[in-house]
C-alpha cells in the first residue's frame, strides 16, 4: 500500500488484475494503466516462433513419433499449477489415444514427480518429464496443445510464448489467464480444478485437427499483433516521454 501511495503512475500487467486491484481499493483508475493488451515485457518473436526443424529435432531426441499430438505443460511442478488434474486427465485420454504424448517441463520444487508418475501408472510411457530449461521455446515448437490448469496465475507469459510458436492453449478461467487466452479463438478456458472440463477440452483439440490448427494460427497472429517485445517496449518509451516531457 505504501509503494502504491508513493507512485503517481502504476503499471499493471493485465486488465483483469487492474480491475481486481481497483475493486480491492488498492489503486484507482486514474493512476493505473495497462500497456497495450497486457504484459510488461512482451514476447521475443525472434526466439518464440514456429520451427519445423526444431520440432523434428526435439521429437527425435525424446522418441516422439511425428504423428503424435503433444500436450505441453511448462512451469513449476506444484499442486496449485493443476498438475494433478493434468496427469489424471491425460491418463484417461491416453487409454484410448495411443498417439498422444504429455510433456511436463519445469523444476520439481515440491518433489511431486514420483507421485505424478504413480498416478499415471501405465500411461507414464506416454509422458516425458523435463527439468528446468533455459530454452522452453524448443518444447513449444515441438508441441501441439499448451495446457495450463493453474489455480492462480500471473499474466500467463508462457501462454503468449506458446502462442507465438503457433500453439493454442487450454487454461483455467482465472484472472491473468483470461487475458492471455481468448476463449474459443486462441484456446479454451475451463473452470479451475475441474478435471472433467480439462479432459473434455484436451480431447476436443486432440480430436479436431482443423480446430487445433485454426486456433494455433489465431494464437500466432494474436501474439504477434498484441504482445511483441518491440511493441510493448515502444509503448513503455512513449509512456516515459509523456510523463517526463
C-alpha atoms as a PDB file:
ATOM      1  CA  UNK A   1       0.000   0.000   0.000  1.00  0.00           C
ATOM      2  CA  UNK A   2       2.891   2.365   0.787  1.00  0.00           C
ATOM      3  CA  UNK A   3       4.509   1.709  -2.591  1.00  0.00           C
ATOM      4  CA  UNK A   4       1.206   2.361  -4.345  1.00  0.00           C
ATOM      5  CA  UNK A   5       0.630   5.523  -2.315  1.00  0.00           C
ATOM      6  CA  UNK A   6       4.049   6.907  -3.267  1.00  0.00           C
ATOM      7  CA  UNK A   7       3.597   6.339  -7.006  1.00  0.00           C
ATOM      8  CA  UNK A   8       1.928   8.686  -9.459  1.00  0.00           C
ATOM      9  CA  UNK A   9       1.684   6.064 -12.228  1.00  0.00           C
ATOM     10  CA  UNK A  10       1.222   2.345 -11.650  1.00  0.00           C
ATOM     11  CA  UNK A  11       1.814  -0.185 -14.415  1.00  0.00           C
ATOM     12  CA  UNK A  12      -0.364  -3.280 -14.181  1.00  0.00           C
ATOM     13  CA  UNK A  13       0.454  -6.250 -16.405  1.00  0.00           C
ATOM     14  CA  UNK A  14      -3.106  -7.245 -17.267  1.00  0.00           C
ATOM     15  CA  UNK A  15      -6.595  -5.770 -17.455  1.00  0.00           C
ATOM     16  CA  UNK A  16      -8.183  -8.298 -15.079  1.00  0.00           C
ATOM     17  CA  UNK A  17      -5.549  -7.548 -12.437  1.00  0.00           C
ATOM     18  CA  UNK A  18      -6.201  -3.825 -12.756  1.00  0.00           C
ATOM     19  CA  UNK A  19      -9.924  -4.383 -12.269  1.00  0.00           C
ATOM     20  CA  UNK A  20      -9.258  -6.609  -9.245  1.00  0.00           C
ATOM     21  CA  UNK A  21      -6.939  -4.070  -7.602  1.00  0.00           C
ATOM     22  CA  UNK A  22      -9.467  -1.283  -8.171  1.00  0.00           C
ATOM     23  CA  UNK A  23     -12.230  -3.414  -6.613  1.00  0.00           C
ATOM     24  CA  UNK A  24      -9.970  -4.026  -3.613  1.00  0.00           C
ATOM     25  CA  UNK A  25      -9.409  -0.244  -3.291  1.00  0.00           C
ATOM     26  CA  UNK A  26      -5.646  -0.645  -3.664  1.00  0.00           C
ATOM     27  CA  UNK A  27      -5.365   1.529  -6.781  1.00  0.00           C
ATOM     28  CA  UNK A  28      -7.630   3.874  -8.691  1.00  0.00           C
ATOM     29  CA  UNK A  29      -8.434   4.054 -12.378  1.00  0.00           C
ATOM     30  CA  UNK A  30      -6.747   7.463 -12.750  1.00  0.00           C
ATOM     31  CA  UNK A  31      -3.178   6.450 -11.883  1.00  0.00           C
ATOM     32  CA  UNK A  32      -3.133   2.791 -13.045  1.00  0.00           C
ATOM     33  CA  UNK A  33      -2.659   1.665 -16.623  1.00  0.00           C
ATOM     34  CA  UNK A  34      -2.018  -1.401 -18.752  1.00  0.00           C
ATOM     35  CA  UNK A  35       0.372  -1.280 -21.703  1.00  0.00           C
ATOM     36  CA  UNK A  36      -1.488  -2.337 -24.828  1.00  0.00           C
ATOM     37  CA  UNK A  37      -3.263  -5.656 -24.329  1.00  0.00           C
ATOM     38  CA  UNK A  38      -1.166  -6.544 -21.302  1.00  0.00           C
ATOM     39  CA  UNK A  39       2.280  -7.849 -20.272  1.00  0.00           C
ATOM     40  CA  UNK A  40       5.177  -5.683 -19.136  1.00  0.00           C
ATOM     41  CA  UNK A  41       7.877  -7.270 -21.277  1.00  0.00           C
ATOM     42  CA  UNK A  42       6.126  -8.840 -24.256  1.00  0.00           C
ATOM     43  CA  UNK A  43       7.465 -11.782 -26.257  1.00  0.00           C
ATOM     44  CA  UNK A  44      10.717 -12.014 -28.197  1.00  0.00           C
ATOM     45  CA  UNK A  45       9.301 -13.054 -31.571  1.00  0.00           C
ATOM     46  CA  UNK A  46      12.765 -13.934 -32.886  1.00  0.00           C
ATOM     47  CA  UNK A  47      13.074 -16.543 -30.147  1.00  0.00           C
ATOM     48  CA  UNK A  48       9.492 -17.785 -29.821  1.00  0.00           C
ATOM     49  CA  UNK A  49       8.327 -18.765 -33.288  1.00  0.00           C
ATOM     50  CA  UNK A  50       7.301 -21.879 -35.217  1.00  0.00           C
ATOM     51  CA  UNK A  51      10.176 -24.072 -36.391  1.00  0.00           C
ATOM     52  CA  UNK A  52       9.707 -27.388 -38.164  1.00  0.00           C
ATOM     53  CA  UNK A  53      13.424 -28.056 -37.811  1.00  0.00           C
ATOM     54  CA  UNK A  54      13.353 -27.720 -34.002  1.00  0.00           C
ATOM     55  CA  UNK A  55      10.067 -29.625 -33.871  1.00  0.00           C
ATOM     56  CA  UNK A  56      11.596 -32.620 -35.604  1.00  0.00           C
ATOM     57  CA  UNK A  57      14.850 -32.452 -33.618  1.00  0.00           C
ATOM     58  CA  UNK A  58      13.156 -32.346 -30.215  1.00  0.00           C
ATOM     59  CA  UNK A  59      10.705 -35.102 -31.097  1.00  0.00           C
ATOM     60  CA  UNK A  60      13.545 -37.295 -32.321  1.00  0.00           C
ATOM     61  CA  UNK A  61      15.532 -36.680 -29.128  1.00  0.00           C
ATOM     62  CA  UNK A  62      12.520 -37.536 -26.936  1.00  0.00           C
ATOM     63  CA  UNK A  63      11.474 -40.504 -29.094  1.00  0.00           C
ATOM     64  CA  UNK A  64       8.141 -38.944 -30.057  1.00  0.00           C
ATOM     65  CA  UNK A  65       6.685 -40.094 -33.408  1.00  0.00           C
ATOM     66  CA  UNK A  66       5.885 -37.343 -35.881  1.00  0.00           C
ATOM     67  CA  UNK A  67       2.182 -38.264 -35.974  1.00  0.00           C
ATOM     68  CA  UNK A  68       1.708 -37.866 -32.194  1.00  0.00           C
ATOM     69  CA  UNK A  69      -0.298 -34.980 -30.740  1.00  0.00           C
ATOM     70  CA  UNK A  70       1.798 -33.483 -27.956  1.00  0.00           C
ATOM     71  CA  UNK A  71       0.301 -31.784 -24.893  1.00  0.00           C
ATOM     72  CA  UNK A  72       2.730 -29.438 -23.146  1.00  0.00           C
ATOM     73  CA  UNK A  73       2.935 -28.005 -19.643  1.00  0.00           C
ATOM     74  CA  UNK A  74       5.696 -25.509 -18.817  1.00  0.00           C
ATOM     75  CA  UNK A  75       6.074 -24.206 -15.288  1.00  0.00           C
ATOM     76  CA  UNK A  76       6.982 -25.097 -11.728  1.00  0.00           C
ATOM     77  CA  UNK A  77       5.686 -28.551 -10.844  1.00  0.00           C
ATOM     78  CA  UNK A  78       3.402 -27.581  -7.964  1.00  0.00           C
ATOM     79  CA  UNK A  79      -0.096 -28.575  -6.856  1.00  0.00           C
ATOM     80  CA  UNK A  80      -1.524 -25.075  -7.475  1.00  0.00           C
ATOM     81  CA  UNK A  81      -0.369 -25.307 -11.086  1.00  0.00           C
ATOM     82  CA  UNK A  82      -3.005 -28.007 -11.571  1.00  0.00           C
ATOM     83  CA  UNK A  83      -0.510 -30.777 -12.327  1.00  0.00           C
ATOM     84  CA  UNK A  84      -2.553 -33.451 -10.560  1.00  0.00           C
ATOM     85  CA  UNK A  85      -5.664 -32.642 -12.599  1.00  0.00           C
ATOM     86  CA  UNK A  86      -3.475 -32.607 -15.704  1.00  0.00           C
ATOM     87  CA  UNK A  87      -1.929 -36.055 -15.265  1.00  0.00           C
ATOM     88  CA  UNK A  88      -5.251 -37.630 -14.266  1.00  0.00           C
ATOM     89  CA  UNK A  89      -6.957 -36.115 -17.325  1.00  0.00           C
ATOM     90  CA  UNK A  90      -4.110 -37.253 -19.568  1.00  0.00           C
ATOM     91  CA  UNK A  91      -4.159 -40.751 -18.077  1.00  0.00           C
ATOM     92  CA  UNK A  92      -7.811 -41.100 -19.116  1.00  0.00           C
ATOM     93  CA  UNK A  93      -7.125 -39.656 -22.559  1.00  0.00           C
ATOM     94  CA  UNK A  94      -4.121 -41.879 -23.279  1.00  0.00           C
ATOM     95  CA  UNK A  95      -6.106 -45.046 -22.539  1.00  0.00           C
ATOM     96  CA  UNK A  96      -7.998 -44.572 -25.801  1.00  0.00           C
ATOM     97  CA  UNK A  97      -5.422 -42.487 -27.674  1.00  0.00           C
ATOM     98  CA  UNK A  98      -2.001 -44.085 -28.017  1.00  0.00           C
ATOM     99  CA  UNK A  99      -0.927 -41.306 -30.394  1.00  0.00           C
ATOM    100  CA  UNK A 100      -0.650 -38.720 -27.600  1.00  0.00           C
ATOM    101  CA  UNK A 101       2.301 -37.548 -25.523  1.00  0.00           C
ATOM    102  CA  UNK A 102       2.404 -35.311 -22.448  1.00  0.00           C
ATOM    103  CA  UNK A 103       5.478 -33.141 -21.933  1.00  0.00           C
ATOM    104  CA  UNK A 104       5.900 -31.670 -18.446  1.00  0.00           C
ATOM    105  CA  UNK A 105       8.713 -29.125 -18.426  1.00  0.00           C
ATOM    106  CA  UNK A 106       9.885 -27.382 -15.274  1.00  0.00           C
ATOM    107  CA  UNK A 107      11.564 -27.758 -11.874  1.00  0.00           C
ATOM    108  CA  UNK A 108      10.101 -30.266  -9.410  1.00  0.00           C
ATOM    109  CA  UNK A 109      10.059 -27.812  -6.494  1.00  0.00           C
ATOM    110  CA  UNK A 110       7.846 -29.932  -4.219  1.00  0.00           C
ATOM    111  CA  UNK A 111       9.178 -33.363  -5.202  1.00  0.00           C
ATOM    112  CA  UNK A 112       5.940 -34.371  -6.896  1.00  0.00           C
ATOM    113  CA  UNK A 113       7.259 -36.271  -9.931  1.00  0.00           C
ATOM    114  CA  UNK A 114       7.247 -39.682  -8.211  1.00  0.00           C
ATOM    115  CA  UNK A 115       3.661 -39.140  -7.057  1.00  0.00           C
ATOM    116  CA  UNK A 116       2.598 -37.990 -10.524  1.00  0.00           C
ATOM    117  CA  UNK A 117       4.331 -40.998 -12.064  1.00  0.00           C
ATOM    118  CA  UNK A 118       2.412 -43.338  -9.761  1.00  0.00           C
ATOM    119  CA  UNK A 119      -0.884 -41.702 -10.769  1.00  0.00           C
ATOM    120  CA  UNK A 120      -0.038 -42.071 -14.450  1.00  0.00           C
ATOM    121  CA  UNK A 121       0.716 -45.769 -13.951  1.00  0.00           C
ATOM    122  CA  UNK A 122       0.909 -47.378 -17.424  1.00  0.00           C
ATOM    123  CA  UNK A 123       0.402 -44.001 -19.086  1.00  0.00           C
ATOM    124  CA  UNK A 124       3.843 -42.935 -17.892  1.00  0.00           C
ATOM    125  CA  UNK A 125       5.220 -44.390 -21.142  1.00  0.00           C
ATOM    126  CA  UNK A 126       3.372 -41.608 -22.952  1.00  0.00           C
ATOM    127  CA  UNK A 127       4.818 -38.936 -20.648  1.00  0.00           C
ATOM    128  CA  UNK A 128       8.133 -37.079 -20.667  1.00  0.00           C
ATOM    129  CA  UNK A 129       9.394 -35.089 -17.681  1.00  0.00           C
ATOM    130  CA  UNK A 130      11.932 -32.365 -18.487  1.00  0.00           C
ATOM    131  CA  UNK A 131      13.704 -30.467 -15.693  1.00  0.00           C
ATOM    132  CA  UNK A 132      14.228 -26.687 -15.644  1.00  0.00           C
ATOM    133  CA  UNK A 133      15.354 -25.415 -19.026  1.00  0.00           C
ATOM    134  CA  UNK A 134      16.588 -22.100 -20.395  1.00  0.00           C
ATOM    135  CA  UNK A 135      15.117 -22.985 -23.788  1.00  0.00           C
ATOM    136  CA  UNK A 136      11.393 -23.635 -23.219  1.00  0.00           C
ATOM    137  CA  UNK A 137      10.723 -22.437 -26.750  1.00  0.00           C
ATOM    138  CA  UNK A 138      12.048 -25.650 -28.328  1.00  0.00           C
ATOM    139  CA  UNK A 139       9.449 -27.697 -26.457  1.00  0.00           C
ATOM    140  CA  UNK A 140       6.746 -25.254 -27.521  1.00  0.00           C
ATOM    141  CA  UNK A 141       7.871 -25.648 -31.127  1.00  0.00           C
ATOM    142  CA  UNK A 142       7.619 -29.432 -30.746  1.00  0.00           C
ATOM    143  CA  UNK A 143       4.124 -29.386 -29.222  1.00  0.00           C
ATOM    144  CA  UNK A 144       0.545 -29.091 -30.450  1.00  0.00           C
ATOM    145  CA  UNK A 145      -1.513 -28.029 -27.395  1.00  0.00           C
ATOM    146  CA  UNK A 146      -0.344 -25.996 -24.401  1.00  0.00           C
ATOM    147  CA  UNK A 147      -2.077 -26.845 -21.120  1.00  0.00           C
ATOM    148  CA  UNK A 148      -2.017 -24.626 -18.018  1.00  0.00           C
ATOM    149  CA  UNK A 149      -4.699 -25.654 -15.467  1.00  0.00           C
ATOM    150  CA  UNK A 150      -3.443 -23.343 -12.687  1.00  0.00           C
ATOM    151  CA  UNK A 151      -5.497 -22.359  -9.639  1.00  0.00           C
ATOM    152  CA  UNK A 152      -3.936 -18.890  -9.722  1.00  0.00           C
ATOM    153  CA  UNK A 153      -1.551 -17.266 -12.137  1.00  0.00           C
ATOM    154  CA  UNK A 154       0.137 -14.027 -13.082  1.00  0.00           C
ATOM    155  CA  UNK A 155      -0.279 -12.712 -16.612  1.00  0.00           C
ATOM    156  CA  UNK A 156       0.486 -16.092 -18.100  1.00  0.00           C
ATOM    157  CA  UNK A 157       3.530 -15.162 -20.155  1.00  0.00           C
ATOM    158  CA  UNK A 158       4.077 -18.818 -21.089  1.00  0.00           C
ATOM    159  CA  UNK A 159       0.706 -18.778 -22.847  1.00  0.00           C
ATOM    160  CA  UNK A 160       1.665 -15.969 -25.200  1.00  0.00           C
ATOM    161  CA  UNK A 161       5.116 -17.519 -25.674  1.00  0.00           C
ATOM    162  CA  UNK A 162       3.456 -20.777 -26.753  1.00  0.00           C
ATOM    163  CA  UNK A 163       1.023 -18.781 -28.903  1.00  0.00           C
ATOM    164  CA  UNK A 164       3.995 -17.150 -30.637  1.00  0.00           C
ATOM    165  CA  UNK A 165       5.059 -20.661 -31.619  1.00  0.00           C
ATOM    166  CA  UNK A 166       1.616 -21.291 -33.107  1.00  0.00           C
ATOM    167  CA  UNK A 167       0.342 -23.422 -30.210  1.00  0.00           C
ATOM    168  CA  UNK A 168      -3.224 -22.984 -28.851  1.00  0.00           C
ATOM    169  CA  UNK A 169      -3.881 -23.280 -25.111  1.00  0.00           C
ATOM    170  CA  UNK A 170      -6.218 -24.946 -22.657  1.00  0.00           C
ATOM    171  CA  UNK A 171      -6.183 -22.981 -19.411  1.00  0.00           C
ATOM    172  CA  UNK A 172      -8.097 -22.163 -16.257  1.00  0.00           C
ATOM    173  CA  UNK A 173     -10.610 -19.335 -16.435  1.00  0.00           C
ATOM    174  CA  UNK A 174      -8.860 -17.285 -13.763  1.00  0.00           C
ATOM    175  CA  UNK A 175      -7.663 -13.714 -13.668  1.00  0.00           C
ATOM    176  CA  UNK A 176      -4.452 -13.489 -15.632  1.00  0.00           C
ATOM    177  CA  UNK A 177      -5.043 -16.403 -17.981  1.00  0.00           C
ATOM    178  CA  UNK A 178      -8.372 -14.956 -19.076  1.00  0.00           C
ATOM    179  CA  UNK A 179      -6.340 -12.060 -20.522  1.00  0.00           C
ATOM    180  CA  UNK A 180      -3.824 -14.203 -22.401  1.00  0.00           C
ATOM    181  CA  UNK A 181      -6.285 -16.806 -23.780  1.00  0.00           C
ATOM    182  CA  UNK A 182      -9.187 -15.727 -25.988  1.00  0.00           C
ATOM    183  CA  UNK A 183     -11.753 -18.405 -25.254  1.00  0.00           C
ATOM    184  CA  UNK A 184     -12.942 -20.145 -28.406  1.00  0.00           C
ATOM    185  CA  UNK A 185     -10.386 -18.323 -30.563  1.00  0.00           C
ATOM    186  CA  UNK A 186      -6.819 -18.882 -29.355  1.00  0.00           C
ATOM    187  CA  UNK A 187      -7.719 -21.655 -26.931  1.00  0.00           C
ATOM    188  CA  UNK A 188     -10.229 -22.956 -24.428  1.00  0.00           C
ATOM    189  CA  UNK A 189     -10.846 -21.670 -20.904  1.00  0.00           C
ATOM    190  CA  UNK A 190     -12.099 -24.143 -18.307  1.00  0.00           C
ATOM    191  CA  UNK A 191     -13.090 -23.861 -14.614  1.00  0.00           C
ATOM    192  CA  UNK A 192     -10.082 -24.173 -12.304  1.00  0.00           C
ATOM    193  CA  UNK A 193      -9.689 -27.533 -10.506  1.00  0.00           C
ATOM    194  CA  UNK A 194     -12.173 -29.240 -12.847  1.00  0.00           C
ATOM    195  CA  UNK A 195     -10.539 -32.431 -14.094  1.00  0.00           C
ATOM    196  CA  UNK A 196     -13.634 -33.296 -16.159  1.00  0.00           C
ATOM    197  CA  UNK A 197     -13.689 -29.972 -18.039  1.00  0.00           C
ATOM    198  CA  UNK A 198      -9.938 -30.134 -18.534  1.00  0.00           C
ATOM    199  CA  UNK A 199     -10.150 -33.611 -20.044  1.00  0.00           C
ATOM    200  CA  UNK A 200     -13.033 -32.613 -22.337  1.00  0.00           C
ATOM    201  CA  UNK A 201     -11.172 -29.525 -23.604  1.00  0.00           C
ATOM    202  CA  UNK A 202      -7.993 -31.534 -24.236  1.00  0.00           C
ATOM    203  CA  UNK A 203      -9.973 -34.188 -26.133  1.00  0.00           C
ATOM    204  CA  UNK A 204     -11.771 -31.515 -28.154  1.00  0.00           C
ATOM    205  CA  UNK A 205      -8.481 -30.179 -29.527  1.00  0.00           C
ATOM    206  CA  UNK A 206      -6.986 -33.658 -29.837  1.00  0.00           C
ATOM    207  CA  UNK A 207      -9.854 -34.991 -31.965  1.00  0.00           C
ATOM    208  CA  UNK A 208     -10.389 -31.938 -34.150  1.00  0.00           C
ATOM    209  CA  UNK A 209      -7.297 -31.299 -36.280  1.00  0.00           C
ATOM    210  CA  UNK A 210      -8.891 -28.397 -38.135  1.00  0.00           C
ATOM    211  CA  UNK A 211      -9.927 -26.625 -34.931  1.00  0.00           C
ATOM    212  CA  UNK A 212      -6.496 -27.154 -33.375  1.00  0.00           C
ATOM    213  CA  UNK A 213      -4.718 -25.777 -36.428  1.00  0.00           C
ATOM    214  CA  UNK A 214      -7.160 -22.855 -36.711  1.00  0.00           C
ATOM    215  CA  UNK A 215      -6.691 -21.896 -33.055  1.00  0.00           C
ATOM    216  CA  UNK A 216      -2.931 -22.292 -33.441  1.00  0.00           C
ATOM    217  CA  UNK A 217      -2.889 -19.855 -36.347  1.00  0.00           C
ATOM    218  CA  UNK A 218      -5.105 -17.393 -34.482  1.00  0.00           C
ATOM    219  CA  UNK A 219      -2.829 -17.699 -31.432  1.00  0.00           C
ATOM    220  CA  UNK A 220       0.197 -16.886 -33.565  1.00  0.00           C
ATOM    221  CA  UNK A 221      -1.378 -13.764 -35.091  1.00  0.00           C
ATOM    222  CA  UNK A 222      -2.837 -12.636 -31.749  1.00  0.00           C
ATOM    223  CA  UNK A 223       0.560 -12.859 -30.058  1.00  0.00           C
ATOM    224  CA  UNK A 224       2.388 -11.112 -32.889  1.00  0.00           C
ATOM    225  CA  UNK A 225      -0.185  -8.317 -33.163  1.00  0.00           C
ATOM    226  CA  UNK A 226      -0.564  -7.625 -29.440  1.00  0.00           C
ATOM    227  CA  UNK A 227       2.374  -8.912 -27.404  1.00  0.00           C
ATOM    228  CA  UNK A 228       5.571  -8.412 -29.364  1.00  0.00           C
ATOM    229  CA  UNK A 229       8.501  -7.234 -27.264  1.00  0.00           C
ATOM    230  CA  UNK A 230       9.132  -4.353 -29.650  1.00  0.00           C
ATOM    231  CA  UNK A 231       5.547  -3.100 -29.362  1.00  0.00           C
ATOM    232  CA  UNK A 232       5.499  -3.250 -25.555  1.00  0.00           C
ATOM    233  CA  UNK A 233       8.901  -1.512 -25.395  1.00  0.00           C
ATOM    234  CA  UNK A 234       7.688   1.325 -27.633  1.00  0.00           C
ATOM    235  CA  UNK A 235       4.550   1.770 -25.510  1.00  0.00           C
ATOM    236  CA  UNK A 236       6.748   1.973 -22.406  1.00  0.00           C
ATOM    237  CA  UNK A 237       9.045   4.560 -24.011  1.00  0.00           C
ATOM    238  CA  UNK A 238       6.042   6.674 -25.059  1.00  0.00           C
ATOM    239  CA  UNK A 239       4.719   6.495 -21.503  1.00  0.00           C
ATOM    240  CA  UNK A 240       8.040   7.754 -20.118  1.00  0.00           C
ATOM    241  CA  UNK A 241       8.040  10.558 -22.693  1.00  0.00           C
ATOM    242  CA  UNK A 242       4.537  11.662 -21.677  1.00  0.00           C
ATOM    243  CA  UNK A 243       5.500  11.684 -18.020  1.00  0.00           C
ATOM    244  CA  UNK A 244       8.862  13.432 -18.422  1.00  0.00           C
ATOM    245  CA  UNK A 245       8.158  15.974 -21.178  1.00  0.00           C
END
